[in-house]
Every structure is written in C-alpha cells, then in structure tokens.
C-alpha atoms as a PDB file:
ATOM      1  CA  MET A   1     -59.484  88.798-100.421  1.00  0.00           C
ATOM      2  CA  ASN A   2     -60.816  90.694 -97.417  1.00  0.00           C
ATOM      3  CA  GLN A   3     -64.427  90.441 -96.253  1.00  0.00           C
ATOM      4  CA  HIS A   4     -65.364  93.948 -97.401  1.00  0.00           C
ATOM      5  CA  ILE A   5     -64.299  93.187-100.956  1.00  0.00           C
ATOM      6  CA  GLU A   6     -66.034  89.796-100.887  1.00  0.00           C
ATOM      7  CA  ARG A   7     -69.306  91.386 -99.719  1.00  0.00           C
ATOM      8  CA  ALA A   8     -69.056  94.130-102.330  1.00  0.00           C
ATOM      9  CA  LEU A   9     -68.386  91.582-105.071  1.00  0.00           C
ATOM     10  CA  ALA A  10     -71.294  89.394-103.915  1.00  0.00           C
ATOM     11  CA  THR A  11     -73.596  92.438-103.954  1.00  0.00           C
ATOM     12  CA  LEU A  12     -72.468  93.413-107.457  1.00  0.00           C
ATOM     13  CA  MET A  13     -73.007  89.874-108.711  1.00  0.00           C
ATOM     14  CA  ALA A  14     -76.499  89.749-107.184  1.00  0.00           C
ATOM     15  CA  GLU A  15     -77.393  93.137-108.667  1.00  0.00           C
ATOM     16  CA  ARG A  16     -76.236  92.022-112.097  1.00  0.00           C
ATOM     17  CA  ALA A  17     -78.136  88.730-111.865  1.00  0.00           C
ATOM     18  CA  ILE A  18     -81.330  90.634-111.018  1.00  0.00           C
ATOM     19  CA  GLU A  19     -80.759  93.139-113.827  1.00  0.00           C
ATOM     20  CA  ARG A  20     -80.382  90.185-116.184  1.00  0.00           C
ATOM     21  CA  LEU A  21     -83.579  88.611-114.821  1.00  0.00           C
ATOM     22  CA  ILE A  22     -85.510  91.815-115.560  1.00  0.00           C
ATOM     23  CA  ILE A  23     -84.054  92.017-119.074  1.00  0.00           C
ATOM     24  CA  ASP A  24     -84.759  88.313-119.675  1.00  0.00           C
ATOM     25  CA  TYR A  25     -88.352  88.865-118.572  1.00  0.00           C
ATOM     26  CA  ALA A  26     -88.805  91.508-121.288  1.00  0.00           C
ATOM     27  CA  ALA A  27     -87.103  89.330-123.912  1.00  0.00           C
ATOM     28  CA  ARG A  28     -89.229  86.289-123.048  1.00  0.00           C
ATOM     29  CA  ASN A  29     -92.353  88.450-123.110  1.00  0.00           C
ATOM     30  CA  ASP A  30     -91.495  89.790-126.579  1.00  0.00           C
ATOM     31  CA  ALA A  31     -90.676  86.273-127.812  1.00  0.00           C
ATOM     32  CA  GLY A  32     -93.963  84.882-126.515  1.00  0.00           C
ATOM     33  CA  ASP A  33     -92.053  82.348-124.418  1.00  0.00           C
ATOM     34  CA  TRP A  34     -94.720  82.208-121.735  1.00  0.00           C
ATOM     35  CA  ASP A  35     -93.461  79.015-120.070  1.00  0.00           C
ATOM     36  CA  ALA A  36     -90.009  80.500-119.503  1.00  0.00           C
ATOM     37  CA  LEU A  37     -91.529  83.791-118.364  1.00  0.00           C
ATOM     38  CA  ALA A  38     -93.826  82.128-115.795  1.00  0.00           C
ATOM     39  CA  ALA A  39     -90.857  80.102-114.496  1.00  0.00           C
ATOM     40  CA  LEU A  40     -89.247  83.363-113.326  1.00  0.00           C
ATOM     41  CA  TYR A  41     -91.777  83.546-110.469  1.00  0.00           C
ATOM     42  CA  LEU A  42     -91.771  81.871-107.075  1.00  0.00           C
ATOM     43  CA  PRO A  43     -94.551  79.308-106.501  1.00  0.00           C
ATOM     44  CA  ASP A  44     -96.503  82.006-104.624  1.00  0.00           C
ATOM     45  CA  GLY A  45     -95.196  84.863-106.770  1.00  0.00           C
ATOM     46  CA  ARG A  46     -97.600  87.390-108.184  1.00  0.00           C
ATOM     47  CA  MET A  47     -97.711  90.039-110.860  1.00  0.00           C
ATOM     48  CA  SER A  48     -99.791  92.967-112.044  1.00  0.00           C
ATOM     49  CA  ARG A  49     -99.598  94.353-115.544  1.00  0.00           C
ATOM     50  CA  PRO A  50     -98.857  98.042-116.015  1.00  0.00           C
ATOM     51  CA  THR A  51    -102.276  98.448-117.662  1.00  0.00           C
ATOM     52  CA  ALA A  52    -104.022  96.872-114.634  1.00  0.00           C
ATOM     53  CA  PRO A  53    -101.841  97.767-111.642  1.00  0.00           C
ATOM     54  CA  ASP A  54    -104.397  96.794-108.987  1.00  0.00           C
ATOM     55  CA  VAL A  55    -105.189  93.361-110.443  1.00  0.00           C
ATOM     56  CA  PHE A  56    -102.703  90.754-109.252  1.00  0.00           C
ATOM     57  CA  ILE A  57    -102.309  87.331-110.800  1.00  0.00           C
ATOM     58  CA  ALA A  58    -100.810  84.830-108.347  1.00  0.00           C
ATOM     59  CA  GLY A  59     -98.760  81.724-109.015  1.00  0.00           C
ATOM     60  CA  PRO A  60     -96.823  80.644-112.096  1.00  0.00           C
ATOM     61  CA  GLU A  61     -99.717  78.559-113.447  1.00  0.00           C
ATOM     62  CA  ALA A  62    -102.148  81.487-113.314  1.00  0.00           C
ATOM     63  CA  ILE A  63     -99.510  83.818-114.753  1.00  0.00           C
ATOM     64  CA  LEU A  64     -98.887  81.361-117.594  1.00  0.00           C
ATOM     65  CA  ALA A  65    -102.633  81.082-118.280  1.00  0.00           C
ATOM     66  CA  ALA A  66    -102.993  84.882-118.305  1.00  0.00           C
ATOM     67  CA  PHE A  67    -100.245  85.288-120.888  1.00  0.00           C
ATOM     68  CA  ARG A  68    -101.531  82.415-123.020  1.00  0.00           C
ATOM     69  CA  SER A  69    -105.021  83.931-123.057  1.00  0.00           C
ATOM     70  CA  ARG A  70    -103.840  87.138-124.716  1.00  0.00           C
ATOM     71  CA  PRO A  71    -104.400  87.501-128.437  1.00  0.00           C
ATOM     72  CA  PRO A  72    -101.225  87.112-130.503  1.00  0.00           C
ATOM     73  CA  ARG A  73     -99.353  90.367-130.982  1.00  0.00           C
ATOM     74  CA  VAL A  74     -95.895  91.697-131.630  1.00  0.00           C
ATOM     75  CA  THR A  75     -94.385  93.675-128.771  1.00  0.00           C
ATOM     76  CA  ARG A  76     -91.064  95.224-127.941  1.00  0.00           C
ATOM     77  CA  HIS A  77     -90.252  96.121-124.360  1.00  0.00           C
ATOM     78  CA  ILE A  78     -87.370  98.527-123.793  1.00  0.00           C
ATOM     79  CA  VAL A  79     -86.190  98.362-120.174  1.00  0.00           C
ATOM     80  CA  ALA A  80     -84.206 101.185-118.573  1.00  0.00           C
ATOM     81  CA  ASN A  81     -83.155 102.726-115.274  1.00  0.00           C
ATOM     82  CA  ILE A  82     -82.937  99.421-113.420  1.00  0.00           C
ATOM     83  CA  ARG A  83     -82.169 100.044-109.741  1.00  0.00           C
ATOM     84  CA  VAL A  84     -81.576  97.084-107.450  1.00  0.00           C
ATOM     85  CA  THR A  85     -81.209  96.926-103.672  1.00  0.00           C
ATOM     86  CA  VAL A  86     -79.978  93.610-102.304  1.00  0.00           C
ATOM     87  CA  THR A  87     -80.412  92.604 -98.659  1.00  0.00           C
ATOM     88  CA  GLY A  88     -79.059  89.112 -98.155  1.00  0.00           C
ATOM     89  CA  ASP A  89     -81.280  86.647-100.016  1.00  0.00           C
ATOM     90  CA  THR A  90     -83.965  89.229-100.776  1.00  0.00           C
ATOM     91  CA  ALA A  91     -83.986  92.231-103.038  1.00  0.00           C
ATOM     92  CA  THR A  92     -86.116  95.011-104.421  1.00  0.00           C
ATOM     93  CA  ALA A  93     -85.841  96.560-107.860  1.00  0.00           C
ATOM     94  CA  THR A  94     -87.437  99.282-109.898  1.00  0.00           C
ATOM     95  CA  SER A  95     -87.294  99.759-113.639  1.00  0.00           C
ATOM     96  CA  GLN A  96     -88.969 101.739-116.363  1.00  0.00           C
ATOM     97  CA  ILE A  97     -90.392 100.273-119.557  1.00  0.00           C
ATOM     98  CA  LEU A  98     -91.198 101.624-122.956  1.00  0.00           C
ATOM     99  CA  LEU A  99     -93.654  99.277-124.656  1.00  0.00           C
ATOM    100  CA  PHE A 100     -94.311  99.254-128.373  1.00  0.00           C
ATOM    101  CA  ASN A 101     -97.339  97.063-129.062  1.00  0.00           C
ATOM    102  CA  ALA A 102     -99.152  98.255-132.163  1.00  0.00           C
ATOM    103  CA  PRO A 103     -98.054  99.841-135.430  1.00  0.00           C
ATOM    104  CA  GLY A 104     -98.935 103.517-135.430  1.00  0.00           C
ATOM    105  CA  ALA A 105     -99.924 103.529-131.747  1.00  0.00           C
ATOM    106  CA  PRO A 106     -97.917 105.597-129.287  1.00  0.00           C
ATOM    107  CA  PRO A 107     -95.678 103.569-126.982  1.00  0.00           C
ATOM    108  CA  LEU A 108     -96.654 103.060-123.365  1.00  0.00           C
ATOM    109  CA  VAL A 109     -94.343 104.277-120.613  1.00  0.00           C
ATOM    110  CA  GLY A 110     -94.485 102.442-117.330  1.00  0.00           C
ATOM    111  CA  SER A 111     -92.667 101.231-114.254  1.00  0.00           C
ATOM    112  CA  TYR A 112     -92.165  97.991-112.399  1.00  0.00           C
ATOM    113  CA  HIS A 113     -91.612  97.580-108.679  1.00  0.00           C
ATOM    114  CA  ASP A 114     -90.215  94.152-107.925  1.00  0.00           C
ATOM    115  CA  ARG A 115     -89.620  92.053-104.835  1.00  0.00           C
ATOM    116  CA  LEU A 116     -87.256  89.127-105.362  1.00  0.00           C
ATOM    117  CA  LEU A 117     -85.903  86.121-103.520  1.00  0.00           C
ATOM    118  CA  LEU A 118     -82.740  84.123-104.118  1.00  0.00           C
ATOM    119  CA  THR A 119     -83.527  80.430-104.650  1.00  0.00           C
ATOM    120  CA  GLU A 120     -81.409  77.408-105.528  1.00  0.00           C
ATOM    121  CA  GLY A 121     -82.322  78.144-109.159  1.00  0.00           C
ATOM    122  CA  GLY A 122     -81.297  81.803-108.922  1.00  0.00           C
ATOM    123  CA  TRP A 123     -83.262  84.992-108.321  1.00  0.00           C
ATOM    124  CA  ARG A 124     -87.035  84.778-108.779  1.00  0.00           C
ATOM    125  CA  PHE A 125     -89.861  87.276-108.595  1.00  0.00           C
ATOM    126  CA  ALA A 126     -91.936  87.254-105.417  1.00  0.00           C
ATOM    127  CA  GLU A 127     -93.889  90.189-106.798  1.00  0.00           C
ATOM    128  CA  ARG A 128     -93.768  92.187-110.014  1.00  0.00           C
ATOM    129  CA  ALA A 129     -96.068  95.208-109.820  1.00  0.00           C
ATOM    130  CA  GLY A 130     -96.493  97.259-112.968  1.00  0.00           C
ATOM    131  CA  SER A 131     -97.977 100.692-113.486  1.00  0.00           C
ATOM    132  CA  LEU A 132     -98.283 103.197-116.310  1.00  0.00           C
ATOM    133  CA  ASP A 133     -96.475 106.476-115.794  1.00  0.00           C
ATOM    134  CA  PHE A 134     -98.780 108.147-118.310  1.00  0.00           C
ATOM    135  CA  PRO A 135    -102.121 106.338-117.926  1.00  0.00           C
ATOM    136  CA  LEU A 136    -104.272 105.565-120.929  1.00  0.00           C
ATOM    137  CA  THR A 137    -107.034 108.061-121.529  1.00  0.00           C
END
C-alpha cells in the first residue's frame, strides 16, 4: 500500500474513532454512566455545558462530581453533523445536539466544539465546549 493511501486510511480511522467517542459521550450521558463519561477526558481536560458555555469544569474528578450532583432525570441526546479535523495526534471536532430532557418541554438545540488528543487509551477530550444555538429565554 502506498503512503498516500496509508495516510488517508489512518485519517479516516481517526475521524471514525472520534465520531464514535462523541456518540459514546451522548450515550453514556443518557445512561447516567458518569464514571465512563468522565473517563473520556484527559487528566487536565475540561468541559462546559451548553446551558453554561462560559463555566468550565476541569479534570475528570470535577467533571464526575458535577454530573453526580445533578438531580436524576431522563435525557436523550441526538448528535448530528459531526465534523472532525485530524492533525497528527490532535484533532478538533464540532457537532450539533438536540436534547430532550423533560416531558412536554421543547428540546434544546446546541453545539459542541471539541479539542482532542490521541492517548495510549484512544482519543480523549482535552476540551468540550458546549453552547445553545437558541438560548433559553
């Protein structure tokens, strides 16, 4: 196999792994599997929720505590329009979310902007920044 094909295949595999990471994040969030969700972050990784885009929570332990502190609820995150750009062992991604979180309430529409790093354990979030596309009024 020539080098061009090998590079293209490696890029496609990295893009797919990151797409899967983003989808797994939503599935773990909906399942309330906070330990597995927090494990998707680097030790110095940070996140902001779409409803609080300027408030970052840093480190898997703090992220885990933030999710555990939420009242129990049923959610469904629909993830779409995932776009990934891979540059060696780093990547950026954007995605849109549709969040259903309360019976009878309108869904929330938001976006994530992610920075990722390839580790021995696979791709992990360095930063996951959420925002609402149609802010709450």
